């Protein structure tokens, strides 16, 4: 199925993996390197499986058939929009706490 590519969208032209990184060469000359731990299937894959990738949509993404993994170039360039990365724990959501009627320490001082 053909996929159209937006003008100016970076495309993957080569992909490799080290022991701890996924390295993607883009058609605009940039090299993107991200931690392999972001992609548990790739992390657990054999070196042979990691090498066996194919472009998706003319390079907007990469596919590894043997491990059923798909990764978009956009997710590598803006991981905060696509992946749940380690960071501060989210605030608990629930019933809002009732406000205290006692003045705060700052107000009493």
C-alpha atoms as a PDB file:
ATOM      1  CA  UNK A   1       0.000   0.000   0.000  1.00  0.00           C
ATOM      2  CA  UNK A   2       1.597   3.294  -1.064  1.00  0.00           C
ATOM      3  CA  UNK A   3       2.176   5.919   1.595  1.00  0.00           C
ATOM      4  CA  UNK A   4       2.562   9.583   0.761  1.00  0.00           C
ATOM      5  CA  UNK A   5       5.411  11.448   2.386  1.00  0.00           C
ATOM      6  CA  UNK A   6       5.031  15.083   3.435  1.00  0.00           C
ATOM      7  CA  UNK A   7       7.471  17.437   1.799  1.00  0.00           C
ATOM      8  CA  UNK A   8      10.355  18.102   4.163  1.00  0.00           C
ATOM      9  CA  UNK A   9       9.806  14.946   6.210  1.00  0.00           C
ATOM     10  CA  UNK A  10      13.065  13.190   7.099  1.00  0.00           C
ATOM     11  CA  UNK A  11      13.420   9.648   5.752  1.00  0.00           C
ATOM     12  CA  UNK A  12      15.516   6.757   7.019  1.00  0.00           C
ATOM     13  CA  UNK A  13      18.127   5.599   4.518  1.00  0.00           C
ATOM     14  CA  UNK A  14      20.193   3.304   6.738  1.00  0.00           C
ATOM     15  CA  UNK A  15      19.731   1.639  10.113  1.00  0.00           C
ATOM     16  CA  UNK A  16      22.114  -0.158  12.436  1.00  0.00           C
ATOM     17  CA  UNK A  17      22.257  -1.231  16.051  1.00  0.00           C
ATOM     18  CA  UNK A  18      25.108  -1.315  18.519  1.00  0.00           C
ATOM     19  CA  UNK A  19      24.862  -3.263  21.762  1.00  0.00           C
ATOM     20  CA  UNK A  20      22.956  -0.370  23.343  1.00  0.00           C
ATOM     21  CA  UNK A  21      21.802   2.027  20.589  1.00  0.00           C
ATOM     22  CA  UNK A  22      19.605   2.231  17.523  1.00  0.00           C
ATOM     23  CA  UNK A  23      21.327   4.394  14.909  1.00  0.00           C
ATOM     24  CA  UNK A  24      19.350   5.792  11.974  1.00  0.00           C
ATOM     25  CA  UNK A  25      20.872   7.753   9.080  1.00  0.00           C
ATOM     26  CA  UNK A  26      18.397  10.215   7.568  1.00  0.00           C
ATOM     27  CA  UNK A  27      18.229  11.422   3.978  1.00  0.00           C
ATOM     28  CA  UNK A  28      19.010  14.998   5.072  1.00  0.00           C
ATOM     29  CA  UNK A  29      22.394  13.935   6.479  1.00  0.00           C
ATOM     30  CA  UNK A  30      21.458  13.715  10.154  1.00  0.00           C
ATOM     31  CA  UNK A  31      22.255  10.681  12.273  1.00  0.00           C
ATOM     32  CA  UNK A  32      19.844   9.866  15.079  1.00  0.00           C
ATOM     33  CA  UNK A  33      20.991   7.600  17.894  1.00  0.00           C
ATOM     34  CA  UNK A  34      18.590   6.501  20.628  1.00  0.00           C
ATOM     35  CA  UNK A  35      18.868   3.986  23.468  1.00  0.00           C
ATOM     36  CA  UNK A  36      17.965   0.455  22.446  1.00  0.00           C
ATOM     37  CA  UNK A  37      16.112   0.026  25.756  1.00  0.00           C
ATOM     38  CA  UNK A  38      13.368   2.231  24.264  1.00  0.00           C
ATOM     39  CA  UNK A  39      12.532  -0.744  22.045  1.00  0.00           C
ATOM     40  CA  UNK A  40      12.444  -3.975  24.083  1.00  0.00           C
ATOM     41  CA  UNK A  41      11.910  -6.182  21.021  1.00  0.00           C
ATOM     42  CA  UNK A  42      15.024  -4.811  19.353  1.00  0.00           C
ATOM     43  CA  UNK A  43      16.953  -5.043  22.602  1.00  0.00           C
ATOM     44  CA  UNK A  44      16.060  -8.743  22.896  1.00  0.00           C
ATOM     45  CA  UNK A  45      16.666  -9.455  19.194  1.00  0.00           C
ATOM     46  CA  UNK A  46      19.732 -11.215  17.846  1.00  0.00           C
ATOM     47  CA  UNK A  47      22.287  -9.178  15.865  1.00  0.00           C
ATOM     48  CA  UNK A  48      21.046 -10.910  12.701  1.00  0.00           C
ATOM     49  CA  UNK A  49      17.429  -9.930  13.446  1.00  0.00           C
ATOM     50  CA  UNK A  50      18.462  -6.327  14.135  1.00  0.00           C
ATOM     51  CA  UNK A  51      20.196  -6.100  10.748  1.00  0.00           C
ATOM     52  CA  UNK A  52      17.150  -7.399   8.864  1.00  0.00           C
ATOM     53  CA  UNK A  53      15.057  -4.228   8.568  1.00  0.00           C
ATOM     54  CA  UNK A  54      13.097  -2.726   5.709  1.00  0.00           C
ATOM     55  CA  UNK A  55      11.796   0.801   5.101  1.00  0.00           C
ATOM     56  CA  UNK A  56       8.120   1.621   5.599  1.00  0.00           C
ATOM     57  CA  UNK A  57       6.465   4.233   3.382  1.00  0.00           C
ATOM     58  CA  UNK A  58       9.625   5.095   1.501  1.00  0.00           C
ATOM     59  CA  UNK A  59      11.576   5.626   4.731  1.00  0.00           C
ATOM     60  CA  UNK A  60       9.121   7.336   7.104  1.00  0.00           C
ATOM     61  CA  UNK A  61       9.649   4.308   9.306  1.00  0.00           C
ATOM     62  CA  UNK A  62      11.441   1.005   9.707  1.00  0.00           C
ATOM     63  CA  UNK A  63      10.080  -2.536  10.042  1.00  0.00           C
ATOM     64  CA  UNK A  64      11.708  -5.676  11.461  1.00  0.00           C
ATOM     65  CA  UNK A  65       9.665  -8.656  10.255  1.00  0.00           C
ATOM     66  CA  UNK A  66      11.255 -11.341  12.468  1.00  0.00           C
ATOM     67  CA  UNK A  67      10.435  -9.460  15.681  1.00  0.00           C
ATOM     68  CA  UNK A  68       7.289  -7.643  14.475  1.00  0.00           C
ATOM     69  CA  UNK A  69       8.665  -4.176  15.286  1.00  0.00           C
ATOM     70  CA  UNK A  70       7.780  -0.896  13.559  1.00  0.00           C
ATOM     71  CA  UNK A  71       9.421   2.424  14.422  1.00  0.00           C
ATOM     72  CA  UNK A  72       8.728   5.782  12.792  1.00  0.00           C
ATOM     73  CA  UNK A  73      11.405   8.387  12.137  1.00  0.00           C
ATOM     74  CA  UNK A  74       9.069  10.956  13.735  1.00  0.00           C
ATOM     75  CA  UNK A  75       9.100   8.993  16.997  1.00  0.00           C
ATOM     76  CA  UNK A  76      12.899   9.171  17.063  1.00  0.00           C
ATOM     77  CA  UNK A  77      12.994  12.896  16.352  1.00  0.00           C
ATOM     78  CA  UNK A  78      10.264  13.780  18.882  1.00  0.00           C
ATOM     79  CA  UNK A  79      10.139  10.905  21.373  1.00  0.00           C
ATOM     80  CA  UNK A  80       8.160  12.920  23.920  1.00  0.00           C
ATOM     81  CA  UNK A  81       5.196  12.896  21.503  1.00  0.00           C
ATOM     82  CA  UNK A  82       5.269   9.174  20.794  1.00  0.00           C
ATOM     83  CA  UNK A  83       6.794   7.237  23.674  1.00  0.00           C
ATOM     84  CA  UNK A  84       6.366   6.925  27.395  1.00  0.00           C
ATOM     85  CA  UNK A  85       9.857   7.823  28.578  1.00  0.00           C
ATOM     86  CA  UNK A  86      11.224   7.613  32.091  1.00  0.00           C
ATOM     87  CA  UNK A  87      10.645  10.796  33.977  1.00  0.00           C
ATOM     88  CA  UNK A  88       8.880  12.195  36.998  1.00  0.00           C
ATOM     89  CA  UNK A  89       6.020  10.087  38.285  1.00  0.00           C
ATOM     90  CA  UNK A  90       2.640  11.362  37.172  1.00  0.00           C
ATOM     91  CA  UNK A  91       0.534  13.083  39.802  1.00  0.00           C
ATOM     92  CA  UNK A  92      -2.165  10.919  41.305  1.00  0.00           C
ATOM     93  CA  UNK A  93      -5.575  11.818  40.018  1.00  0.00           C
ATOM     94  CA  UNK A  94      -8.510  11.451  42.282  1.00  0.00           C
ATOM     95  CA  UNK A  95     -10.811  13.461  44.414  1.00  0.00           C
ATOM     96  CA  UNK A  96      -9.379  16.901  45.076  1.00  0.00           C
ATOM     97  CA  UNK A  97      -8.308  17.423  48.647  1.00  0.00           C
ATOM     98  CA  UNK A  98     -10.419  19.710  50.762  1.00  0.00           C
ATOM     99  CA  UNK A  99      -8.663  22.965  51.470  1.00  0.00           C
ATOM    100  CA  UNK A 100      -7.533  23.472  55.011  1.00  0.00           C
ATOM    101  CA  UNK A 101      -9.283  26.241  56.886  1.00  0.00           C
ATOM    102  CA  UNK A 102      -6.124  26.934  58.850  1.00  0.00           C
ATOM    103  CA  UNK A 103      -3.903  29.694  57.465  1.00  0.00           C
ATOM    104  CA  UNK A 104      -0.651  28.553  55.929  1.00  0.00           C
ATOM    105  CA  UNK A 105       2.655  29.142  57.700  1.00  0.00           C
ATOM    106  CA  UNK A 106       3.517  31.903  55.290  1.00  0.00           C
ATOM    107  CA  UNK A 107       0.280  33.718  56.042  1.00  0.00           C
ATOM    108  CA  UNK A 108       0.846  33.465  59.807  1.00  0.00           C
ATOM    109  CA  UNK A 109       4.371  34.819  59.723  1.00  0.00           C
END
